[in-house]
Amino acid sequence: MKSHALLFRFVFLLSLLGFVSTVPADVIDPFSASQGPFTVGPGEEISEQEAVIFTPSVLGGFRVVAPAVDEDAEAGSKAKLEIDDGVFHCEVEFPSDNNTLNNGACGGGYDRGDGPVFDLTGSTAFRFNVQSVVGKMSIGVTLVDTNEDISLGFIQDVTPGVVSIPFNQMFSPTSPTGVDLASIDNIAMAVLNQEGKEGSITIDEFSTDGTIGVGPVVLPDDIFPEEIPGTYYNFERDGEGCQLTRERDEVTFILTCYFYNQGEQFWVIGVGGLNGGQIIFGNLTITSGADYGNNFKASDVVRENFGAAFMNWSDCNNAELELVPVLPGFEQITLALTRVVPTTCGGGGVVGDALSWMGAYFDAQRDGEGFHFGVEEGSVFVMTWYTYLNGKQVWLIGTGTRDGMRVVFDNMVITSGADFGSAFNPADVVRQTFGSIIVDFTDCNHFTATVNSVLPEFHNLILDVEKIVPGVCQ
């Protein structure tokens, strides 16, 4: 892999990601949020969990980094990357300088995600404040706009001080006019060694010479936000799954996923927005500590960051979910998911007066538990209740039948027995009837849930809940 090709690895990694919106600024990254140190050899890569950090200190809300060494470099070659205390430091080392394929690099990337595009028309150049350089090092920047056109720029033989890459000196392999500077989707930077020799560089700021403005939100043409809410599962992993709702602001998506860990249930919840057929849920939350029903206290709920999830749609009924846990004991896993109740892609999604009932509901006095209410094609209602028993998470799921403003879930099911990730076996799932939950809507933002349990450890209960993201009822 040649030096310029290394830069495209960072662009490809960015194409998998998306997150939050930006605000006007000229600093892309002050390097105040730490990552690393990372060291890789020929052909090695750090994990995606290590590569991504979510931080408001950088443009777009998250940073992706990657050190890399050419897979044909000499054995013992290394690329080292560390971001700490306001500096980006990259070092490439080779056993000798006799191999022209001794190429190494370190890169960082910044994506606008589901937010407004980056508008660079208020600037004319990228700037790097270089503290020190050893050997011959280059800096490269790649821009990708919402039309997927690419522009690249390089600085050869970098020296200490403020160095610049003017926009008008960047070249495009995809367009004779280059990228649309008013509609930038992501920005990637990389430092690379030259002539197959080792070196190092330290940078303390990556910025532009003018403002970075907020452009419009550009939505995808092929994956429509109104068509993807639903309950998803993998047929070969029946017994676990996820529920996705589009909330009443028509922008926010809430994802809940229900799994197992050593035979016991657990669930996670996260918030994201659709961008280019993908949603990143940057902070999935897992909870514990509370009890069931009348014994529930919001103050008992303990929240932890479970990790992140990346959900990509191939069409409106099929998605790939990549879970990247940060909690010990949970492996990274990718699941191919399909909707339990498919819809017609391009048909506008689910219709009907009950559509406004879709959403995530909770009682503000019982924050930490709640309901996820789904409205599927053909007036199918799917609801998951996320609660606790003796400090541990519990989830129940069922399908309901409508009668006016009432939906009756007469066979809510509680499960157990399976494990997480590669250890999951659908044959291990034990299903048990919990009882029924009757949902009575007062309007599209509020309902009363009457819980009738047939299990002795769960008493009957009445809960009044409201939408987390309310909307106007018609």
Protein backbone atom coordinates (compact mmCIF):
# COMPACT_ATOMS: atom_id res chain seq x y z
CA MET A 1 0.00 0.00 0.00
CA LYS A 2 1.58 3.31 -1.09
CA SER A 3 1.52 6.47 1.04
CA HIS A 4 -1.30 8.16 -0.86
CA ALA A 5 -3.36 4.97 -0.66
CA LEU A 6 -3.08 5.06 3.13
CA LEU A 7 -5.02 8.32 3.13
CA PHE A 8 -7.93 6.63 1.37
CA ARG A 9 -8.19 4.12 4.22
CA PHE A 10 -9.14 6.98 6.52
CA VAL A 11 -11.67 8.30 3.99
CA PHE A 12 -13.23 4.81 3.75
CA LEU A 13 -13.46 4.57 7.54
CA LEU A 14 -15.19 7.94 7.64
CA SER A 15 -17.71 6.76 5.07
CA LEU A 16 -18.96 4.24 7.64
CA LEU A 17 -19.69 6.89 10.23
CA GLY A 18 -21.96 9.82 11.00
CA PHE A 19 -22.96 11.63 14.15
CA VAL A 20 -23.96 15.12 15.25
CA SER A 21 -24.22 18.61 13.85
CA THR A 22 -21.58 21.30 13.82
CA VAL A 23 -21.37 24.96 14.79
CA PRO A 24 -19.44 27.79 13.12
CA ALA A 25 -15.73 27.58 13.97
CA ASP A 26 -12.33 27.59 12.34
CA VAL A 27 -10.72 24.94 14.57
CA ILE A 28 -11.36 21.45 13.27
CA ASP A 29 -9.46 19.73 16.09
CA PRO A 30 -7.53 21.26 18.99
CA PHE A 31 -6.40 17.72 19.94
CA SER A 32 -7.61 18.24 23.50
CA ALA A 33 -9.50 14.92 23.57
CA SER A 34 -7.03 12.08 24.14
CA GLN A 35 -6.71 8.86 22.12
CA GLY A 36 -4.03 6.20 22.13
CA PRO A 37 -1.20 5.53 22.26
CA PHE A 38 -1.64 3.04 19.40
CA THR A 39 1.06 1.01 17.67
CA VAL A 40 0.54 -1.14 14.57
CA GLY A 41 2.78 -3.20 12.32
CA PRO A 42 2.55 -4.14 8.63
CA GLY A 43 -1.09 -4.73 7.67
CA GLU A 44 -2.35 -4.39 11.25
CA GLU A 45 -5.27 -2.16 12.29
CA ILE A 46 -6.69 -0.89 15.55
CA SER A 47 -10.29 -1.82 16.31
CA GLU A 48 -13.17 0.48 15.45
CA GLN A 49 -13.90 0.74 19.16
CA GLU A 50 -10.42 2.21 19.67
CA ALA A 51 -10.57 4.32 16.51
CA VAL A 52 -13.67 6.35 17.37
CA ILE A 53 -14.04 8.90 20.15
CA PHE A 54 -17.16 11.02 20.65
CA THR A 55 -16.29 14.50 21.88
CA PRO A 56 -17.81 17.97 21.40
CA SER A 57 -14.30 19.45 21.14
CA VAL A 58 -13.93 18.46 17.46
CA LEU A 59 -15.80 19.45 14.34
CA GLY A 60 -18.86 17.24 13.89
CA GLY A 61 -18.81 15.75 17.39
CA PHE A 62 -16.55 12.74 16.92
CA ARG A 63 -13.08 11.85 15.69
CA VAL A 64 -11.86 8.73 13.87
CA VAL A 65 -8.14 7.92 13.97
CA ALA A 66 -5.99 5.20 12.45
CA PRO A 67 -2.25 4.51 12.32
CA ALA A 68 -1.17 2.27 9.43
CA VAL A 69 1.90 0.58 7.96
CA ASP A 70 2.14 -0.81 4.42
CA GLU A 71 1.41 -4.54 4.49
CA ASP A 72 4.57 -5.10 2.41
CA ALA A 73 6.83 -3.10 4.72
CA GLU A 74 9.71 -4.87 6.44
CA ALA A 75 8.90 -7.01 9.45
CA GLY A 76 9.33 -4.93 12.59
CA SER A 77 8.06 -1.73 10.96
CA LYS A 78 5.78 0.35 13.20
CA ALA A 79 3.42 3.32 13.11
CA LYS A 80 2.69 4.99 16.44
CA LEU A 81 -0.11 7.49 17.07
CA GLU A 82 -1.01 9.36 20.23
CA ILE A 83 -3.27 12.36 20.83
CA ASP A 84 -2.82 13.84 24.27
CA ASP A 85 -2.44 17.19 26.03
CA GLY A 86 -3.34 19.18 22.93
CA VAL A 87 -0.97 17.53 20.43
CA PHE A 88 -1.21 14.97 17.63
CA HIS A 89 1.99 12.92 17.52
CA CYS A 90 2.78 10.36 14.82
CA GLU A 91 5.96 8.34 14.52
CA VAL A 92 6.92 5.76 11.87
CA GLU A 93 9.83 3.39 12.43
CA PHE A 94 11.51 0.90 10.06
CA PRO A 95 14.35 -1.57 10.62
CA SER A 96 16.16 -0.13 7.59
CA ASP A 97 15.60 2.32 4.74
CA ASN A 98 16.27 -0.16 1.96
CA ASN A 99 12.63 -1.08 1.25
CA THR A 100 10.67 1.43 -0.85
CA LEU A 101 7.45 -0.05 0.58
CA ASN A 102 8.34 1.05 4.11
CA ASN A 103 5.39 3.42 4.17
CA GLY A 104 3.47 4.45 7.27
CA ALA A 105 0.89 7.05 8.23
CA CYS A 106 -1.44 8.35 10.93
CA GLY A 107 -4.78 9.91 10.19
CA GLY A 108 -7.82 11.54 11.69
CA GLY A 109 -11.30 12.11 10.29
CA TYR A 110 -14.28 14.38 10.99
CA ASP A 111 -17.81 13.80 9.68
CA ARG A 112 -20.96 15.94 9.78
CA GLY A 113 -23.10 12.84 10.37
CA ASP A 114 -26.83 13.49 10.41
CA GLY A 115 -26.35 17.22 10.97
CA PRO A 116 -25.84 20.13 8.59
CA VAL A 117 -23.07 19.92 6.03
CA PHE A 118 -19.77 21.71 6.66
CA ASP A 119 -19.63 24.98 4.68
CA LEU A 120 -16.00 25.88 3.93
CA THR A 121 -16.74 28.85 1.66
CA GLY A 122 -15.73 31.23 4.45
CA SER A 123 -12.16 29.88 4.32
CA THR A 124 -9.43 29.52 1.70
CA ALA A 125 -7.01 27.01 3.23
CA PHE A 126 -6.39 24.36 5.88
CA ARG A 127 -3.79 25.20 8.50
CA PHE A 128 -1.61 23.01 10.70
CA ASN A 129 0.43 24.31 13.61
CA VAL A 130 3.44 21.98 13.45
CA GLN A 131 5.55 21.84 16.60
CA SER A 132 8.30 19.53 15.41
CA VAL A 133 9.33 17.27 12.53
CA VAL A 134 11.97 14.56 12.29
CA GLY A 135 12.78 13.20 8.83
CA LYS A 136 10.72 13.86 5.72
CA MET A 137 7.01 13.94 6.44
CA SER A 138 3.97 14.99 4.37
CA ILE A 139 0.52 16.16 5.43
CA GLY A 140 -2.52 15.35 3.34
CA VAL A 141 -6.16 16.45 3.53
CA THR A 142 -9.12 14.83 1.78
CA LEU A 143 -12.56 16.42 1.37
CA VAL A 144 -15.71 14.49 0.41
CA ASP A 145 -18.90 16.36 -0.44
CA THR A 146 -22.49 15.12 -0.38
CA ASN A 147 -22.22 14.18 -4.07
CA GLU A 148 -19.31 11.89 -3.10
CA ASP A 149 -16.82 13.97 -5.08
CA ILE A 150 -13.31 14.03 -3.59
CA SER A 151 -10.58 16.66 -3.42
CA LEU A 152 -7.06 16.05 -2.08
CA GLY A 153 -4.21 18.32 -1.08
CA PHE A 154 -0.65 17.69 0.16
CA ILE A 155 2.22 19.46 1.80
CA GLN A 156 5.57 17.87 1.03
CA ASP A 157 8.63 18.14 3.31
CA VAL A 158 6.78 19.69 6.24
CA THR A 159 8.73 22.10 8.44
CA PRO A 160 7.88 23.43 11.94
CA GLY A 161 5.52 26.39 12.12
CA VAL A 162 2.12 27.14 10.61
CA VAL A 163 1.77 25.35 7.26
CA SER A 164 -1.19 25.58 4.87
CA ILE A 165 -2.98 23.64 2.15
CA PRO A 166 -4.86 26.18 -0.02
CA PHE A 167 -8.18 24.94 -1.32
CA ASN A 168 -7.34 26.13 -4.85
CA GLN A 169 -4.27 23.87 -4.89
CA MET A 170 -6.21 20.70 -4.06
CA PHE A 171 -6.96 18.30 -6.90
CA SER A 172 -9.93 16.02 -7.57
CA PRO A 173 -9.84 12.50 -9.03
CA THR A 174 -13.63 12.56 -9.44
CA SER A 175 -14.62 16.02 -10.71
CA PRO A 176 -12.98 18.63 -12.96
CA THR A 177 -14.23 21.37 -10.63
CA GLY A 178 -13.44 19.64 -7.34
CA VAL A 179 -15.76 19.32 -4.37
CA ASP A 180 -18.59 21.65 -3.47
CA LEU A 181 -17.04 23.60 -0.59
CA ALA A 182 -20.50 24.62 0.64
CA SER A 183 -21.59 20.99 1.04
CA ILE A 184 -18.79 19.01 2.69
CA ASP A 185 -19.74 15.67 4.21
CA ASN A 186 -16.42 14.78 5.83
CA ILE A 187 -12.80 15.87 6.22
CA ALA A 188 -9.83 13.55 6.67
CA MET A 189 -6.22 14.45 7.44
CA ALA A 190 -3.17 12.23 7.42
CA VAL A 191 0.55 12.55 8.05
CA LEU A 192 2.74 10.26 5.94
CA ASN A 193 6.41 9.45 5.71
CA GLN A 194 8.27 9.95 2.44
CA GLU A 195 10.81 7.87 0.53
CA GLY A 196 10.31 4.82 2.72
CA LYS A 197 12.20 6.34 5.63
CA GLU A 198 11.25 6.77 9.26
CA GLY A 199 10.24 10.02 10.86
CA SER A 200 7.86 11.76 13.26
CA ILE A 201 5.68 14.84 13.47
CA THR A 202 3.87 16.70 16.23
CA ILE A 203 0.91 19.01 15.48
CA ASP A 204 -0.98 21.05 18.06
CA GLU A 205 -3.94 22.31 15.98
CA PHE A 206 -5.80 21.53 12.76
CA SER A 207 -7.91 24.44 11.51
CA THR A 208 -8.91 26.62 8.57
CA ASP A 209 -7.98 30.24 7.90
CA GLY A 210 -11.61 31.34 8.13
CA THR A 211 -14.95 30.22 9.45
CA ILE A 212 -16.55 26.81 8.98
CA GLY A 213 -20.22 27.52 8.50
CA VAL A 214 -23.40 25.50 8.89
CA GLY A 215 -24.95 24.39 5.64
CA PRO A 216 -28.26 22.60 5.05
CA VAL A 217 -29.17 19.13 6.24
CA VAL A 218 -28.89 16.87 3.19
CA LEU A 219 -31.07 13.77 3.42
CA PRO A 220 -30.46 10.56 1.45
CA ASP A 221 -32.38 9.84 -1.73
CA ASP A 222 -32.88 6.12 -1.32
CA ILE A 223 -33.47 5.41 2.39
CA PHE A 224 -36.45 7.40 3.65
CA PRO A 225 -36.70 8.13 7.37
CA GLU A 226 -40.44 7.43 7.53
CA GLU A 227 -39.93 3.90 6.14
CA ILE A 228 -37.36 2.41 8.52
CA PRO A 229 -38.99 2.43 12.00
CA GLY A 230 -39.91 -1.05 13.13
CA THR A 231 -38.99 -4.15 15.09
CA TYR A 232 -35.91 -5.93 13.74
CA TYR A 233 -34.48 -9.39 14.30
CA ASN A 234 -32.31 -12.08 12.72
CA PHE A 235 -34.28 -15.24 11.87
CA GLU A 236 -31.34 -17.41 12.87
CA ARG A 237 -31.10 -15.59 16.22
CA ASP A 238 -34.78 -15.59 17.15
CA GLY A 239 -35.24 -14.44 20.72
CA GLU A 240 -33.19 -11.22 20.61
CA GLY A 241 -33.72 -8.08 18.55
CA CYS A 242 -34.11 -4.32 18.36
CA GLN A 243 -36.96 -1.85 18.15
CA LEU A 244 -36.54 1.48 16.34
CA THR A 245 -38.97 4.38 16.47
CA ARG A 246 -39.01 7.69 14.65
CA GLU A 247 -40.08 10.25 17.19
CA ARG A 248 -42.58 13.05 16.76
CA ASP A 249 -39.99 15.68 15.80
CA GLU A 250 -39.46 13.53 12.65
CA VAL A 251 -35.69 13.73 13.19
CA THR A 252 -34.91 11.76 16.34
CA PHE A 253 -34.69 7.97 16.24
CA ILE A 254 -34.66 5.95 19.47
CA LEU A 255 -33.24 2.44 19.40
CA THR A 256 -33.74 -0.21 22.05
CA CYS A 257 -32.12 -3.61 21.76
CA TYR A 258 -32.83 -6.61 23.95
CA PHE A 259 -30.23 -9.30 24.58
CA TYR A 260 -28.93 -11.78 27.16
CA ASN A 261 -25.83 -12.17 29.27
CA GLN A 262 -25.16 -15.60 30.77
CA GLY A 263 -28.83 -16.52 30.70
CA GLU A 264 -30.19 -13.23 32.04
CA GLN A 265 -31.92 -10.46 30.13
CA PHE A 266 -30.41 -7.05 29.51
CA TRP A 267 -31.34 -4.10 27.31
CA VAL A 268 -29.73 -0.95 25.94
CA ILE A 269 -31.13 2.33 24.62
CA GLY A 270 -29.69 5.05 22.40
CA VAL A 271 -30.60 8.11 20.33
CA GLY A 272 -29.49 9.00 16.78
CA GLY A 273 -30.48 10.51 13.46
CA LEU A 274 -30.56 9.11 9.92
CA ASN A 275 -27.83 10.16 7.50
CA GLY A 276 -27.20 8.49 4.16
CA GLY A 277 -28.85 5.24 5.16
CA GLN A 278 -27.03 5.06 8.48
CA ILE A 279 -27.69 5.93 12.11
CA ILE A 280 -24.94 6.11 14.69
CA PHE A 281 -26.04 5.63 18.27
CA GLY A 282 -22.96 7.06 19.91
CA ASN A 283 -23.84 6.40 23.52
CA LEU A 284 -25.91 3.31 24.22
CA THR A 285 -26.97 3.25 27.85
CA ILE A 286 -27.30 0.16 30.02
CA THR A 287 -28.88 0.36 33.46
CA SER A 288 -29.21 -1.56 36.71
CA GLY A 289 -30.06 -1.13 40.38
CA ALA A 290 -33.81 -0.59 40.46
CA ASP A 291 -36.70 -2.88 41.39
CA TYR A 292 -40.09 -3.70 39.97
CA GLY A 293 -43.40 -1.89 40.19
CA ASN A 294 -44.25 -0.24 43.50
CA ASN A 295 -40.69 -0.83 44.67
CA PHE A 296 -39.17 1.13 41.79
CA LYS A 297 -37.19 4.26 42.70
CA ALA A 298 -35.64 6.44 40.02
CA SER A 299 -32.79 7.23 42.39
CA ASP A 300 -31.80 3.54 42.40
CA VAL A 301 -31.12 3.46 38.66
CA VAL A 302 -27.44 3.20 37.77
CA ARG A 303 -26.56 4.21 34.21
CA GLU A 304 -23.44 3.10 32.33
CA ASN A 305 -22.16 3.68 28.82
CA PHE A 306 -22.53 0.34 27.06
CA GLY A 307 -20.81 1.53 23.89
CA ALA A 308 -21.90 2.54 20.39
CA ALA A 309 -24.02 1.07 17.62
CA PHE A 310 -23.83 1.64 13.87
CA MET A 311 -26.98 0.74 11.93
CA ASN A 312 -26.83 0.70 8.10
CA TRP A 313 -29.79 0.01 5.80
CA SER A 314 -29.54 -1.77 2.45
CA ASP A 315 -33.26 -1.12 1.95
CA CYS A 316 -36.13 -0.10 4.20
CA ASN A 317 -36.57 -3.64 5.58
CA ASN A 318 -32.99 -4.79 6.05
CA ALA A 319 -30.18 -3.35 8.13
CA GLU A 320 -26.80 -4.29 9.50
CA LEU A 321 -26.25 -3.50 13.17
CA GLU A 322 -22.69 -3.23 14.45
CA LEU A 323 -22.40 -3.16 18.23
CA VAL A 324 -19.17 -1.76 19.65
CA PRO A 325 -19.31 -2.27 23.44
CA VAL A 326 -16.92 -0.55 25.81
CA LEU A 327 -18.05 -2.50 28.86
CA PRO A 328 -15.87 -5.50 29.77
CA GLY A 329 -17.37 -8.89 29.01
CA PHE A 330 -19.18 -7.90 25.82
CA GLU A 331 -17.68 -8.60 22.40
CA GLN A 332 -18.04 -6.50 19.28
CA ILE A 333 -20.57 -8.10 16.96
CA THR A 334 -22.31 -7.37 13.65
CA LEU A 335 -25.87 -8.58 13.11
CA ALA A 336 -27.86 -8.77 9.85
CA LEU A 337 -31.38 -7.67 10.81
CA THR A 338 -34.68 -7.66 8.98
CA ARG A 339 -38.03 -6.16 9.90
CA VAL A 340 -40.45 -8.53 11.61
CA VAL A 341 -43.26 -6.88 9.63
CA PRO A 342 -41.86 -5.67 6.28
CA THR A 343 -43.16 -2.65 4.41
CA THR A 344 -43.05 -1.56 0.76
CA CYS A 345 -39.88 0.41 0.13
CA GLY A 346 -40.64 3.66 -1.65
CA GLY A 347 -44.26 3.46 -0.55
CA GLY A 348 -44.06 6.10 2.15
CA GLY A 349 -43.99 3.82 5.17
CA VAL A 350 -46.76 2.96 7.60
CA VAL A 351 -49.93 5.06 7.33
CA GLY A 352 -53.04 5.50 9.46
CA ASP A 353 -54.25 7.51 12.42
CA ALA A 354 -52.36 5.29 14.89
CA LEU A 355 -48.98 6.21 13.39
CA SER A 356 -48.69 9.15 15.80
CA TRP A 357 -48.72 6.67 18.71
CA MET A 358 -45.29 5.36 17.74
CA GLY A 359 -42.53 6.32 20.16
CA ALA A 360 -40.66 5.85 23.40
CA TYR A 361 -42.66 6.56 26.56
CA PHE A 362 -41.77 7.03 30.23
CA ASP A 363 -42.97 8.44 33.52
CA ALA A 364 -40.72 11.35 34.51
CA GLN A 365 -41.08 10.27 38.16
CA ARG A 366 -39.91 6.78 37.18
CA ASP A 367 -37.06 7.80 34.89
CA GLY A 368 -35.00 4.74 34.03
CA GLU A 369 -37.76 2.44 32.80
CA GLY A 370 -40.21 2.81 29.95
CA PHE A 371 -42.16 1.51 26.98
CA HIS A 372 -41.23 1.35 23.31
CA PHE A 373 -44.42 1.40 21.26
CA GLY A 374 -44.17 0.42 17.60
CA VAL A 375 -46.73 0.76 14.81
CA GLU A 376 -46.08 -1.71 12.00
CA GLU A 377 -47.48 -2.27 8.52
CA GLY A 378 -51.03 -3.64 8.49
CA SER A 379 -51.98 -2.13 11.89
CA VAL A 380 -49.68 -4.46 13.81
CA PHE A 381 -48.62 -3.07 17.17
CA VAL A 382 -45.43 -4.23 18.90
CA MET A 383 -44.55 -3.05 22.39
CA THR A 384 -41.55 -3.66 24.61
CA TRP A 385 -41.54 -2.79 28.29
CA TYR A 386 -38.16 -2.19 29.89
CA THR A 387 -38.12 -2.49 33.66
CA TYR A 388 -36.31 -4.26 36.54
CA LEU A 389 -36.52 -6.99 39.16
CA ASN A 390 -34.25 -7.10 42.19
CA GLY A 391 -31.76 -4.67 40.65
CA LYS A 392 -31.51 -6.43 37.29
CA GLN A 393 -32.93 -5.42 33.93
CA VAL A 394 -36.07 -7.12 32.64
CA TRP A 395 -37.77 -6.75 29.27
CA LEU A 396 -41.16 -7.95 28.03
CA ILE A 397 -42.41 -7.96 24.45
CA GLY A 398 -45.74 -8.60 22.76
CA THR A 399 -48.04 -7.75 19.87
CA GLY A 400 -51.35 -5.98 20.38
CA THR A 401 -54.85 -5.63 18.99
CA ARG A 402 -56.53 -2.23 18.68
CA ASP A 403 -59.99 -1.29 19.89
CA GLY A 404 -60.50 2.43 19.37
CA MET A 405 -58.01 4.27 21.61
CA ARG A 406 -57.10 1.03 23.36
CA VAL A 407 -54.49 -1.54 22.36
CA VAL A 408 -54.53 -4.89 24.19
CA PHE A 409 -51.31 -6.86 24.46
CA ASP A 410 -52.81 -10.06 25.81
CA ASN A 411 -49.68 -12.22 25.72
CA MET A 412 -46.62 -10.33 26.88
CA VAL A 413 -43.64 -12.68 26.92
CA ILE A 414 -40.61 -12.71 29.20
CA THR A 415 -37.53 -14.71 28.22
CA SER A 416 -34.28 -16.05 29.63
CA GLY A 417 -31.58 -18.67 29.08
CA ALA A 418 -29.45 -17.36 26.23
CA ASP A 419 -26.11 -15.55 26.02
CA PHE A 420 -24.62 -12.61 24.13
CA GLY A 421 -22.92 -12.33 20.77
CA SER A 422 -21.21 -15.39 19.33
CA ALA A 423 -22.38 -17.41 22.35
CA PHE A 424 -26.06 -16.83 21.50
CA ASN A 425 -28.03 -19.96 20.61
CA PRO A 426 -31.76 -19.55 19.84
CA ALA A 427 -32.37 -23.04 21.26
CA ASP A 428 -31.34 -21.68 24.67
CA VAL A 429 -34.12 -19.10 24.77
CA VAL A 430 -36.84 -19.93 27.29
CA ARG A 431 -40.14 -18.11 26.73
CA GLN A 432 -42.66 -17.62 29.48
CA THR A 433 -46.02 -15.87 29.49
CA PHE A 434 -45.87 -12.78 31.67
CA GLY A 435 -49.51 -11.72 31.36
CA SER A 436 -51.19 -8.81 29.61
CA ILE A 437 -50.76 -5.04 29.29
CA ILE A 438 -53.71 -2.89 28.27
CA VAL A 439 -52.73 0.47 26.78
CA ASP A 440 -55.31 3.29 26.82
CA PHE A 441 -54.31 6.42 24.89
CA THR A 442 -55.60 9.80 26.03
CA ASP A 443 -53.86 11.47 23.07
CA CYS A 444 -50.88 10.72 20.82
CA ASN A 445 -48.41 11.65 23.59
CA HIS A 446 -49.90 9.93 26.65
CA PHE A 447 -51.23 6.52 27.62
CA THR A 448 -52.12 4.53 30.71
CA ALA A 449 -50.68 1.02 30.93
CA THR A 450 -52.57 -1.53 33.02
CA VAL A 451 -50.19 -4.37 33.78
CA ASN A 452 -51.70 -7.75 34.71
CA SER A 453 -49.10 -10.35 35.59
CA VAL A 454 -49.58 -14.10 35.98
CA LEU A 455 -46.11 -14.47 37.54
CA PRO A 456 -45.92 -14.18 41.32
CA GLU A 457 -42.73 -12.10 41.35
CA PHE A 458 -44.44 -9.34 39.33
CA HIS A 459 -47.49 -7.66 40.89
CA ASN A 460 -50.19 -5.86 38.94
CA LEU A 461 -49.54 -2.21 38.18
CA ILE A 462 -50.98 0.90 36.57
CA LEU A 463 -48.58 3.38 34.94
CA ASP A 464 -49.28 6.76 33.33
CA VAL A 465 -46.59 7.59 30.77
CA GLU A 466 -45.79 10.26 28.20
CA LYS A 467 -43.66 10.45 25.06
CA ILE A 468 -39.99 11.28 25.55
CA VAL A 469 -40.21 13.38 22.35
CA PRO A 470 -43.82 14.68 22.15
CA GLY A 471 -45.52 16.10 19.09
CA VAL A 472 -48.69 17.84 17.97
CA CYS A 473 -51.72 15.54 18.02
CA GLN A 474 -54.22 15.84 15.19
